[in-house]
Amino acid sequence: MKSIVKYTAIAAILYAGLVGTAFLIEANQQKKYLAQFNSYREAQGIPLLYSFKDTTSENWLTHIQNHPGLYWKWILTNSEIGTRIDFANYAKDQPYHASKSLFFANYLFFWDNYYAGENDVFINPLDDSTEVSLNIWYISKEFPDTTGFFCTLDTIDIHKPHIHLCSLSDDFDPDDPKTIFTSNLSKSEADRIIESWELDGLEAM
């Protein structure tokens, strides 16, 4: 009986240590992908992380605070839990880098954690009611089954953000920042659009 209690106590201590280590590693994971990760971004062609006005982070602690039972169950059963950090700028009347989001996958078995990728949104205001939104998704090589870039261009009603004012077009011109069409773009086309928008106010972190 004493042996059972002893081994149960040892197992409980080891498990508690695993949970504590997983929490510590998850809490520090996002820090690795801030400004010091810009050298990797530059090498891969990912838009750089500049200084943004607002930053919000979603991690295990925020998940547990919002859904305590659900996330404890996911953590203790080693389910994948998505976490993220979001950067945003205030709306401007000229083209600007509106937001960047970094995505991560986390597990109790922390050696399976990985950086999933990023999403950048660039906005070109056309007038008081419409704006062109350029999205660049980077899916990391660690993400299962797929990797690389996925880029889209869309024109949106500012007052009704879920209303898209676009249709596919064979004569889509990626050099024209006022194109009112949605299209899947190549990364080179997306880069050309950003360059043509002549963004300013970008400050390194």
Protein backbone atom coordinates (compact mmCIF):
# COMPACT_ATOMS: atom_id res chain seq x y z
CA MET A 1 0.00 0.00 0.00
CA LYS A 2 2.82 2.37 0.89
CA SER A 3 4.47 1.63 -2.47
CA ILE A 4 1.27 2.54 -4.32
CA VAL A 5 1.00 5.82 -2.42
CA LYS A 6 4.67 6.52 -3.03
CA TYR A 7 4.52 5.91 -6.78
CA THR A 8 1.23 7.82 -7.06
CA ALA A 9 2.85 10.80 -5.32
CA ILE A 10 5.89 10.61 -7.60
CA ALA A 11 3.65 10.43 -10.68
CA ALA A 12 1.62 13.41 -9.46
CA ILE A 13 4.79 15.45 -8.89
CA LEU A 14 6.15 14.58 -12.34
CA TYR A 15 2.84 15.45 -13.97
CA ALA A 16 2.65 18.74 -12.09
CA GLY A 17 6.19 19.47 -13.26
CA LEU A 18 5.18 18.73 -16.85
CA VAL A 19 2.17 21.06 -16.60
CA GLY A 20 4.28 23.81 -15.01
CA THR A 21 7.00 23.49 -17.66
CA ALA A 22 4.43 23.51 -20.46
CA PHE A 23 2.88 26.71 -19.06
CA LEU A 24 6.28 28.38 -18.74
CA ILE A 25 7.32 27.49 -22.29
CA GLU A 26 3.95 28.57 -23.72
CA ALA A 27 4.17 31.88 -21.84
CA ASN A 28 7.58 32.59 -23.38
CA GLN A 29 6.96 31.24 -26.87
CA GLN A 30 5.53 34.43 -28.36
CA LYS A 31 8.54 36.49 -27.26
CA LYS A 32 10.78 34.63 -29.71
CA TYR A 33 8.82 35.94 -32.69
CA LEU A 34 8.90 39.68 -32.08
CA ALA A 35 11.48 42.10 -33.51
CA GLN A 36 14.36 39.61 -33.29
CA PHE A 37 12.45 37.38 -35.73
CA ASN A 38 12.55 40.08 -38.41
CA SER A 39 15.75 38.66 -39.90
CA TYR A 40 13.87 35.43 -40.66
CA ARG A 41 10.91 37.41 -42.00
CA GLU A 42 13.19 39.38 -44.30
CA ALA A 43 14.83 36.21 -45.61
CA GLN A 44 11.44 34.59 -46.31
CA GLY A 45 9.79 37.69 -47.76
CA ILE A 46 7.32 38.03 -44.86
CA PRO A 47 6.28 41.61 -44.04
CA LEU A 48 8.37 42.85 -41.13
CA LEU A 49 7.07 43.50 -37.64
CA TYR A 50 7.16 47.25 -37.06
CA SER A 51 5.92 49.31 -34.14
CA PHE A 52 2.13 49.09 -33.90
CA LYS A 53 -0.18 51.17 -31.73
CA ASP A 54 -2.00 48.27 -30.07
CA THR A 55 -0.91 44.78 -29.04
CA THR A 56 -3.11 42.02 -27.65
CA SER A 57 -2.12 38.48 -26.77
CA GLU A 58 -4.16 35.31 -26.48
CA ASN A 59 -2.45 32.56 -24.50
CA TRP A 60 -3.29 29.68 -22.17
CA LEU A 61 -3.97 31.96 -19.22
CA THR A 62 -6.45 34.12 -21.13
CA HIS A 63 -8.13 30.98 -22.49
CA ILE A 64 -8.44 29.49 -19.01
CA GLN A 65 -9.87 32.73 -17.62
CA ASN A 66 -12.53 32.77 -20.33
CA HIS A 67 -13.29 29.03 -20.51
CA PRO A 68 -11.77 27.35 -17.44
CA GLY A 69 -13.26 23.89 -17.78
CA LEU A 70 -12.82 23.55 -21.52
CA TYR A 71 -9.20 24.62 -21.73
CA TRP A 72 -8.06 22.68 -18.69
CA LYS A 73 -9.53 19.61 -20.38
CA TRP A 74 -7.69 20.39 -23.62
CA ILE A 75 -4.42 21.07 -21.84
CA LEU A 76 -4.54 17.93 -19.70
CA THR A 77 -5.47 15.73 -22.68
CA ASN A 78 -2.63 17.19 -24.79
CA SER A 79 -5.01 18.66 -27.36
CA GLU A 80 -3.70 21.34 -29.70
CA ILE A 81 -4.57 24.84 -28.46
CA GLY A 82 -4.14 27.75 -30.82
CA THR A 83 -2.67 30.94 -29.38
CA ARG A 84 -1.87 34.25 -31.05
CA ILE A 85 -0.55 37.76 -30.69
CA ASP A 86 -2.17 40.63 -32.60
CA PHE A 87 -0.72 44.02 -33.52
CA ALA A 88 -2.86 46.84 -34.91
CA ASN A 89 -2.63 50.43 -36.07
CA TYR A 90 -5.34 53.08 -35.98
CA ALA A 91 -7.16 53.87 -39.21
CA LYS A 92 -5.44 56.40 -41.46
CA ASP A 93 -6.44 58.35 -44.54
CA GLN A 94 -3.54 56.96 -46.56
CA PRO A 95 -2.26 53.41 -47.22
CA TYR A 96 -0.97 51.77 -44.03
CA HIS A 97 -0.01 48.46 -42.43
CA ALA A 98 -3.22 47.88 -40.49
CA SER A 99 -2.41 44.70 -38.58
CA LYS A 100 -0.17 41.69 -38.10
CA SER A 101 -1.22 38.49 -36.33
CA LEU A 102 1.14 35.69 -35.27
CA PHE A 103 -0.25 32.19 -34.75
CA PHE A 104 1.03 29.30 -32.63
CA ALA A 105 0.03 25.74 -31.73
CA ASN A 106 0.63 24.62 -28.16
CA TYR A 107 0.40 21.33 -26.29
CA LEU A 108 0.91 19.92 -22.82
CA PHE A 109 3.68 17.90 -24.49
CA PHE A 110 5.48 21.15 -25.24
CA TRP A 111 8.02 19.57 -27.58
CA ASP A 112 5.19 19.46 -30.14
CA ASN A 113 4.65 23.25 -30.00
CA TYR A 114 5.17 25.16 -33.23
CA TYR A 115 4.92 28.55 -34.88
CA ALA A 116 2.07 28.30 -37.41
CA GLY A 117 2.51 31.51 -39.37
CA GLU A 118 1.39 35.12 -39.74
CA ASN A 119 -1.26 37.29 -41.33
CA ASP A 120 -0.63 40.87 -42.46
CA VAL A 121 -3.36 43.28 -43.51
CA PHE A 122 -2.58 46.42 -45.50
CA ILE A 123 -5.32 49.00 -46.06
CA ASN A 124 -5.66 51.61 -48.78
CA PRO A 125 -8.60 53.99 -48.02
CA LEU A 126 -10.36 55.01 -51.22
CA ASP A 127 -12.95 57.36 -49.71
CA ASP A 128 -15.13 57.73 -46.62
CA SER A 129 -16.99 54.50 -47.30
CA THR A 130 -14.65 52.07 -49.06
CA GLU A 131 -11.17 50.70 -48.64
CA VAL A 132 -8.96 48.16 -50.38
CA SER A 133 -7.70 45.40 -48.09
CA LEU A 134 -4.61 43.41 -49.04
CA ASN A 135 -4.10 40.25 -46.98
CA ILE A 136 -0.85 38.28 -46.91
CA TRP A 137 -0.95 34.94 -45.12
CA TYR A 138 2.32 33.16 -44.42
CA ILE A 139 1.94 29.50 -43.43
CA SER A 140 5.09 28.18 -41.78
CA LYS A 141 6.90 25.02 -42.83
CA GLU A 142 5.95 23.50 -39.46
CA PHE A 143 2.24 23.71 -40.26
CA PRO A 144 0.89 20.28 -41.32
CA ASP A 145 0.26 19.58 -45.00
CA THR A 146 0.85 23.03 -46.45
CA THR A 147 3.23 25.97 -46.38
CA GLY A 148 3.96 29.22 -48.19
CA PHE A 149 1.97 32.36 -48.99
CA PHE A 150 -1.69 33.01 -49.70
CA CYS A 151 -2.57 36.56 -50.75
CA THR A 152 -5.91 38.26 -51.48
CA LEU A 153 -7.08 41.72 -52.48
CA ASP A 154 -10.56 42.90 -51.63
CA THR A 155 -12.59 46.11 -51.61
CA ILE A 156 -14.80 46.52 -48.55
CA ASP A 157 -17.61 48.79 -47.42
CA ILE A 158 -16.15 50.35 -44.25
CA HIS A 159 -19.56 50.71 -42.63
CA LYS A 160 -20.53 47.14 -43.50
CA PRO A 161 -17.23 45.23 -43.25
CA HIS A 162 -18.78 41.92 -44.26
CA ILE A 163 -20.07 43.37 -47.52
CA HIS A 164 -17.56 42.88 -50.33
CA LEU A 165 -17.78 45.19 -53.32
CA CYS A 166 -15.90 42.93 -55.69
CA SER A 167 -16.05 40.27 -58.33
CA LEU A 168 -13.42 38.23 -60.11
CA SER A 169 -11.99 39.85 -63.18
CA ASP A 170 -9.74 38.68 -65.98
CA ASP A 171 -8.37 42.20 -66.45
CA PHE A 172 -7.27 42.59 -62.81
CA ASP A 173 -4.28 44.94 -62.64
CA PRO A 174 -2.08 44.37 -59.56
CA ASP A 175 -0.31 47.69 -60.22
CA ASP A 176 -3.52 49.68 -59.80
CA PRO A 177 -4.18 50.35 -56.08
CA LYS A 178 -7.77 51.32 -56.87
CA THR A 179 -8.71 48.03 -58.49
CA ILE A 180 -12.17 47.08 -57.29
CA PHE A 181 -11.76 43.34 -57.65
CA THR A 182 -11.06 40.38 -55.45
CA SER A 183 -8.46 37.90 -56.61
CA ASN A 184 -6.01 35.36 -55.32
CA LEU A 185 -2.64 36.99 -55.89
CA SER A 186 0.87 35.73 -56.19
CA LYS A 187 3.27 36.94 -53.52
CA SER A 188 5.13 39.02 -56.13
CA GLU A 189 1.89 40.76 -57.12
CA ALA A 190 1.12 41.49 -53.47
CA ASP A 191 4.62 42.92 -52.99
CA ARG A 192 4.18 45.15 -56.03
CA ILE A 193 0.90 46.51 -54.67
CA ILE A 194 2.47 47.33 -51.30
CA GLU A 195 5.36 49.06 -53.05
CA SER A 196 2.97 51.07 -55.22
CA TRP A 197 1.09 52.21 -52.11
CA GLU A 198 4.28 53.83 -50.76
CA LEU A 199 3.57 53.16 -47.11
CA ASP A 200 5.11 55.56 -44.65
CA GLY A 201 5.25 55.83 -40.88
CA LEU A 202 6.81 52.36 -40.49
CA GLU A 203 9.16 52.31 -37.53
CA ALA A 204 11.34 49.37 -36.57
CA MET A 205 10.71 47.80 -33.18
